Amino acid sequence: MDNPVRAYYEHSAEQEWRRLERPDDGVLEWALTCRALTGNLPPTGRVLDIGGGPGRYAIWLAQHGYRVVLADLSPALLEVARAQVAESGMSAMVEAIVEADARDLSPWADASFDAVLSLGPFYHLSNAADRDRAAQEMYRVVRPGGIAFVALMPRYAFLRRTLALADERRHLGSAAFVSRMLFDGVFINDIPGRFTGGYGFRPEDVAPFFARHGLQPIDLLATEGIIPDLQAALAELSVSDPASYHATLEVIARTANDPSILGLANHLLFIGRRPR
């Protein structure tokens, strides 16, 4: 990863911890991702959370009885993770919190994990060789029959976020910016301190990409479902009418893998298995 990417997370570590608590941003992503984990993880085992940042998913995994190794490229995120894991009382279930790169998992032996979470690194692997390496490494360290969960961003998500931010909209007037995003999937932001160095997948390319690297596709989900831009309304419903909120959440979860919504998702979640 480029230095600007690492710098972004170094300066937004606390924000990253809080993001999945924000009703209009991360709460639905968290809820649907946890549902996917619950429905696809083995009953017990050892999990690598690579790119696990401030530790939210590592703590969730530990609370559900899994032994966890948390790794990330950002020392600042890892410091937040150490504090949050200690506060959660889950330190005994978290084997290690270490600095590592998704493209180089050499600290861990072949087939040493029952599952791997990669819920961030692929956002920033804009070089095809880097994506290949990260996928190969993930395949290598998960055991035969093990499960991989990979968060991705579709291309249009980067264009939509650009339109949403007043001081970034000028990028849409650049033919080079739009062409690079649409045809190469590469998002470069020239505003210091902002999200940059991104890579957007086409949804139809996700399963073939991971299949080439040995992972049998299980599912591909939009982790904000059918309402990526209506999450604040869902949060209001959770307060005003909890019964309708839970019914709506069921509909969102049930339709999260509808191919017609994947391209306009904010985030995607690929679930795959290494064959036995």
Protein backbone atom coordinates (compact mmCIF):
# COMPACT_ATOMS: atom_id res chain seq x y z
CA MET A 1 0.00 0.00 0.00
CA ASP A 2 1.12 3.52 -0.72
CA ASN A 3 2.14 5.81 2.12
CA PRO A 4 -0.90 8.12 1.69
CA VAL A 5 -3.16 5.15 2.43
CA ARG A 6 -1.30 4.28 5.59
CA ALA A 7 -1.22 7.95 6.58
CA TYR A 8 -4.99 8.19 6.17
CA TYR A 9 -5.57 5.41 8.68
CA GLU A 10 -2.87 6.67 11.02
CA HIS A 11 -4.80 9.94 11.35
CA SER A 12 -8.29 8.43 11.48
CA ALA A 13 -7.79 5.57 13.94
CA GLU A 14 -10.39 6.65 16.48
CA GLN A 15 -12.81 7.50 13.69
CA GLU A 16 -12.39 3.97 12.31
CA TRP A 17 -13.34 2.50 15.68
CA ARG A 18 -16.50 4.64 15.85
CA ARG A 19 -17.53 4.24 12.19
CA LEU A 20 -19.49 1.03 12.69
CA GLU A 21 -21.50 2.71 15.44
CA ARG A 22 -22.76 5.53 13.21
CA PRO A 23 -26.45 4.99 12.31
CA ASP A 24 -26.14 6.67 8.90
CA ASP A 25 -22.92 4.93 7.91
CA GLY A 26 -21.72 1.76 9.64
CA VAL A 27 -24.47 0.22 11.76
CA LEU A 28 -26.15 -1.64 8.89
CA GLU A 29 -22.82 -2.80 7.45
CA TRP A 30 -21.93 -4.16 10.88
CA ALA A 31 -25.28 -5.92 11.30
CA LEU A 32 -25.25 -7.60 7.89
CA THR A 33 -21.58 -8.57 8.13
CA CYS A 34 -22.11 -10.16 11.55
CA ARG A 35 -25.08 -12.08 10.15
CA ALA A 36 -22.88 -13.35 7.33
CA LEU A 37 -20.19 -14.40 9.79
CA THR A 38 -22.73 -16.18 11.98
CA GLY A 39 -24.17 -18.06 9.02
CA ASN A 40 -20.85 -19.16 7.47
CA LEU A 41 -18.14 -19.50 10.12
CA PRO A 42 -17.33 -22.95 11.48
CA PRO A 43 -18.66 -23.55 15.02
CA THR A 44 -15.20 -23.07 16.54
CA GLY A 45 -11.67 -22.41 15.38
CA ARG A 46 -8.83 -20.01 14.80
CA VAL A 47 -9.41 -16.87 12.71
CA LEU A 48 -7.02 -14.39 11.09
CA ASP A 49 -8.45 -10.87 10.95
CA ILE A 50 -6.10 -9.25 8.45
CA GLY A 51 -6.65 -5.54 8.03
CA GLY A 52 -8.76 -5.76 11.18
CA GLY A 53 -7.94 -2.19 12.15
CA PRO A 54 -9.25 -1.10 15.54
CA GLY A 55 -10.50 -4.56 16.45
CA ARG A 56 -14.29 -4.53 16.31
CA TYR A 57 -14.58 -7.79 14.44
CA ALA A 58 -11.75 -9.39 16.39
CA ILE A 59 -13.60 -8.65 19.62
CA TRP A 60 -16.86 -9.99 18.17
CA LEU A 61 -15.10 -13.18 17.09
CA ALA A 62 -13.50 -13.61 20.52
CA GLN A 63 -16.86 -13.07 22.23
CA HIS A 64 -18.28 -15.85 20.07
CA GLY A 65 -15.62 -18.32 21.12
CA TYR A 66 -13.05 -18.01 18.31
CA ARG A 67 -9.30 -17.70 18.82
CA VAL A 68 -8.19 -14.63 16.89
CA VAL A 69 -5.06 -13.14 15.40
CA LEU A 70 -5.57 -9.46 14.56
CA ALA A 71 -3.20 -7.86 12.04
CA ASP A 72 -3.13 -4.49 10.34
CA LEU A 73 -0.74 -2.20 8.48
CA SER A 74 -1.43 0.81 10.72
CA PRO A 75 0.32 1.06 14.11
CA ALA A 76 -2.23 3.66 15.23
CA LEU A 77 -5.14 1.33 14.49
CA LEU A 78 -3.37 -1.47 16.33
CA GLU A 79 -2.94 0.73 19.39
CA VAL A 80 -6.70 1.35 19.41
CA ALA A 81 -7.25 -2.39 19.00
CA ARG A 82 -5.01 -3.26 21.96
CA ALA A 83 -6.90 -0.86 24.20
CA GLN A 84 -10.32 -2.01 23.03
CA VAL A 85 -9.50 -5.71 23.31
CA ALA A 86 -8.22 -5.18 26.85
CA GLU A 87 -11.33 -3.19 27.78
CA SER A 88 -13.58 -5.91 26.34
CA GLY A 89 -12.04 -8.58 28.57
CA MET A 90 -11.30 -10.75 25.54
CA SER A 91 -7.50 -10.67 25.69
CA ALA A 92 -7.27 -14.39 26.43
CA MET A 93 -8.99 -15.22 23.13
CA VAL A 94 -6.88 -12.83 21.03
CA GLU A 95 -3.58 -14.62 20.41
CA ALA A 96 -1.77 -11.67 18.86
CA ILE A 97 -2.22 -8.10 17.66
CA VAL A 98 0.52 -7.49 15.13
CA GLU A 99 1.56 -5.28 12.24
CA ALA A 100 1.31 -7.09 8.91
CA ASP A 101 0.54 -6.52 5.24
CA ALA A 102 -2.22 -8.50 3.48
CA ARG A 103 0.20 -9.18 0.62
CA ASP A 104 2.68 -10.94 2.92
CA LEU A 105 1.28 -13.33 5.50
CA SER A 106 4.61 -15.15 5.91
CA PRO A 107 4.44 -14.97 9.74
CA TRP A 108 1.78 -17.69 9.50
CA ALA A 109 2.11 -21.22 8.22
CA ASP A 110 0.11 -22.82 5.43
CA ALA A 111 -3.43 -23.87 6.42
CA SER A 112 -3.08 -22.39 9.91
CA PHE A 113 -6.52 -20.75 10.18
CA ASP A 114 -10.08 -22.05 10.01
CA ALA A 115 -11.23 -18.72 8.58
CA VAL A 116 -9.76 -15.46 7.34
CA LEU A 117 -11.39 -12.04 7.46
CA SER A 118 -10.02 -9.42 5.09
CA LEU A 119 -12.46 -6.57 5.67
CA GLY A 120 -10.44 -3.67 4.30
CA PRO A 121 -7.17 -4.42 2.50
CA PHE A 122 -8.73 -5.05 -0.92
CA TYR A 123 -10.18 -1.51 -0.93
CA HIS A 124 -6.63 -0.27 -1.46
CA LEU A 125 -4.94 -2.86 -3.67
CA SER A 126 -5.09 -0.85 -6.89
CA ASN A 127 -2.26 -2.84 -8.49
CA ALA A 128 -3.35 -6.14 -10.03
CA ALA A 129 -0.20 -7.94 -8.86
CA ASP A 130 -0.92 -6.82 -5.28
CA ARG A 131 -4.48 -8.13 -5.46
CA ASP A 132 -3.22 -11.44 -6.78
CA ARG A 133 -0.64 -11.72 -4.03
CA ALA A 134 -3.12 -10.90 -1.28
CA ALA A 135 -5.59 -13.47 -2.61
CA GLN A 136 -2.86 -16.10 -2.89
CA GLU A 137 -1.69 -15.44 0.66
CA MET A 138 -5.21 -15.63 2.02
CA TYR A 139 -5.76 -18.95 0.24
CA ARG A 140 -2.46 -20.27 1.57
CA VAL A 141 -3.11 -19.61 5.26
CA VAL A 142 -6.72 -20.83 5.39
CA ARG A 143 -7.10 -24.57 5.84
CA PRO A 144 -8.83 -26.77 3.26
CA GLY A 145 -12.55 -26.38 3.91
CA GLY A 146 -11.92 -23.02 5.59
CA ILE A 147 -13.84 -19.84 4.85
CA ALA A 148 -12.68 -16.42 3.64
CA PHE A 149 -14.64 -13.19 4.07
CA VAL A 150 -13.44 -10.29 1.92
CA ALA A 151 -14.82 -6.74 1.91
CA LEU A 152 -14.69 -4.91 -1.41
CA MET A 153 -15.90 -1.64 -2.88
CA PRO A 154 -17.65 -1.44 -6.26
CA ARG A 155 -16.47 1.19 -8.72
CA TYR A 156 -19.55 3.37 -8.62
CA ALA A 157 -19.18 3.78 -4.85
CA PHE A 158 -16.11 5.93 -5.42
CA LEU A 159 -17.91 8.13 -7.94
CA ARG A 160 -20.89 8.51 -5.60
CA ARG A 161 -18.72 9.47 -2.62
CA THR A 162 -16.94 12.02 -4.82
CA LEU A 163 -20.26 13.63 -5.72
CA ALA A 164 -21.29 13.64 -2.05
CA LEU A 165 -18.29 15.73 -0.93
CA ALA A 166 -18.40 19.36 -2.02
CA ASP A 167 -14.65 19.89 -2.23
CA GLU A 168 -14.11 16.67 -4.19
CA ARG A 169 -16.80 17.15 -6.85
CA ARG A 170 -14.38 18.94 -9.16
CA HIS A 171 -12.75 15.55 -9.80
CA LEU A 172 -15.82 14.52 -11.77
CA GLY A 173 -14.97 17.23 -14.31
CA SER A 174 -11.68 15.50 -15.06
CA ALA A 175 -11.94 13.04 -17.93
CA ALA A 176 -8.76 11.32 -16.72
CA PHE A 177 -10.17 10.84 -13.19
CA VAL A 178 -13.47 9.42 -14.44
CA SER A 179 -11.82 7.20 -17.05
CA ARG A 180 -9.32 5.81 -14.53
CA MET A 181 -12.15 5.07 -12.14
CA LEU A 182 -14.56 3.51 -14.65
CA PHE A 183 -12.08 1.48 -16.69
CA ASP A 184 -9.25 0.74 -14.26
CA GLY A 185 -11.16 0.90 -10.97
CA VAL A 186 -8.46 3.13 -9.47
CA PHE A 187 -9.39 6.02 -7.17
CA ILE A 188 -6.72 8.64 -6.48
CA ASN A 189 -7.62 11.62 -4.29
CA ASP A 190 -5.37 14.69 -4.37
CA ILE A 191 -6.80 16.20 -1.16
CA PRO A 192 -4.35 15.54 1.70
CA GLY A 193 -5.65 13.41 4.52
CA ARG A 194 -8.61 12.01 2.59
CA PHE A 195 -9.41 8.43 1.60
CA THR A 196 -7.25 7.59 -1.41
CA GLY A 197 -5.47 4.79 -3.24
CA GLY A 198 -8.75 2.94 -3.66
CA TYR A 199 -9.72 0.08 -5.94
CA GLY A 200 -13.24 -0.67 -7.11
CA PHE A 201 -14.36 -4.06 -8.39
CA ARG A 202 -17.05 -4.75 -10.93
CA PRO A 203 -19.44 -7.12 -9.10
CA GLU A 204 -19.40 -9.58 -12.01
CA ASP A 205 -15.60 -9.86 -11.71
CA VAL A 206 -15.51 -10.74 -8.01
CA ALA A 207 -16.32 -14.46 -8.06
CA PRO A 208 -14.09 -15.21 -11.10
CA PHE A 209 -11.19 -13.33 -9.49
CA PHE A 210 -11.28 -15.34 -6.28
CA ALA A 211 -12.02 -18.58 -8.13
CA ARG A 212 -8.77 -18.08 -10.06
CA HIS A 213 -7.04 -18.04 -6.70
CA GLY A 214 -8.67 -21.23 -5.50
CA LEU A 215 -11.64 -19.98 -3.47
CA GLN A 216 -15.04 -21.44 -4.31
CA PRO A 217 -17.64 -18.64 -4.22
CA ILE A 218 -20.37 -19.01 -1.61
CA ASP A 219 -22.02 -15.59 -1.73
CA LEU A 220 -21.59 -11.93 -2.63
CA LEU A 221 -23.54 -9.42 -0.55
CA ALA A 222 -24.18 -5.69 -0.50
CA THR A 223 -23.49 -4.93 3.15
CA GLU A 224 -25.86 -1.96 3.18
CA GLY A 225 -28.44 -3.97 1.27
CA ILE A 226 -31.01 -2.07 -0.77
CA ILE A 227 -30.70 1.14 1.30
CA PRO A 228 -27.11 2.44 1.09
CA ASP A 229 -28.41 6.03 1.10
CA LEU A 230 -31.37 5.55 3.48
CA GLN A 231 -29.58 4.33 6.56
CA ALA A 232 -30.55 7.38 8.61
CA ALA A 233 -34.22 6.59 7.91
CA LEU A 234 -33.67 3.02 9.08
CA ALA A 235 -32.06 4.31 12.27
CA GLU A 236 -35.08 6.56 12.90
CA LEU A 237 -37.38 3.57 12.37
CA SER A 238 -35.43 1.56 14.96
CA VAL A 239 -36.51 4.14 17.56
CA SER A 240 -40.02 5.01 16.37
CA ASP A 241 -41.22 1.51 15.46
CA PRO A 242 -38.89 -1.33 16.57
CA ALA A 243 -41.14 -4.07 15.18
CA SER A 244 -41.14 -2.52 11.71
CA TYR A 245 -37.42 -1.91 12.01
CA HIS A 246 -36.68 -5.61 12.63
CA ALA A 247 -39.02 -6.66 9.81
CA THR A 248 -37.28 -4.23 7.46
CA LEU A 249 -33.87 -5.48 8.54
CA GLU A 250 -34.96 -9.02 7.64
CA VAL A 251 -35.96 -7.86 4.15
CA ILE A 252 -32.65 -6.04 3.73
CA ALA A 253 -30.69 -9.12 4.81
CA ARG A 254 -32.73 -11.46 2.63
CA THR A 255 -32.16 -9.38 -0.50
CA ALA A 256 -28.53 -8.39 0.14
CA ASN A 257 -27.22 -10.75 -2.57
CA ASP A 258 -29.61 -9.58 -5.29
CA PRO A 259 -27.35 -9.02 -8.33
CA SER A 260 -29.39 -5.97 -9.35
CA ILE A 261 -28.19 -3.95 -6.33
CA LEU A 262 -24.53 -4.94 -6.09
CA GLY A 263 -23.08 -2.32 -8.43
CA LEU A 264 -24.58 0.56 -6.43
CA ALA A 265 -23.58 -0.77 -3.02
CA ASN A 266 -21.21 1.12 -0.77
CA HIS A 267 -19.45 -2.11 0.21
CA LEU A 268 -19.54 -5.71 -0.91
CA LEU A 269 -18.78 -8.85 1.06
CA PHE A 270 -17.41 -11.88 -0.79
CA ILE A 271 -17.64 -15.23 1.01
CA GLY A 272 -15.60 -18.12 -0.35
CA ARG A 273 -14.30 -21.52 0.67
CA ARG A 274 -10.99 -23.23 0.09
CA PRO A 275 -11.92 -26.67 -1.25
CA ARG A 276 -11.11 -29.69 0.88
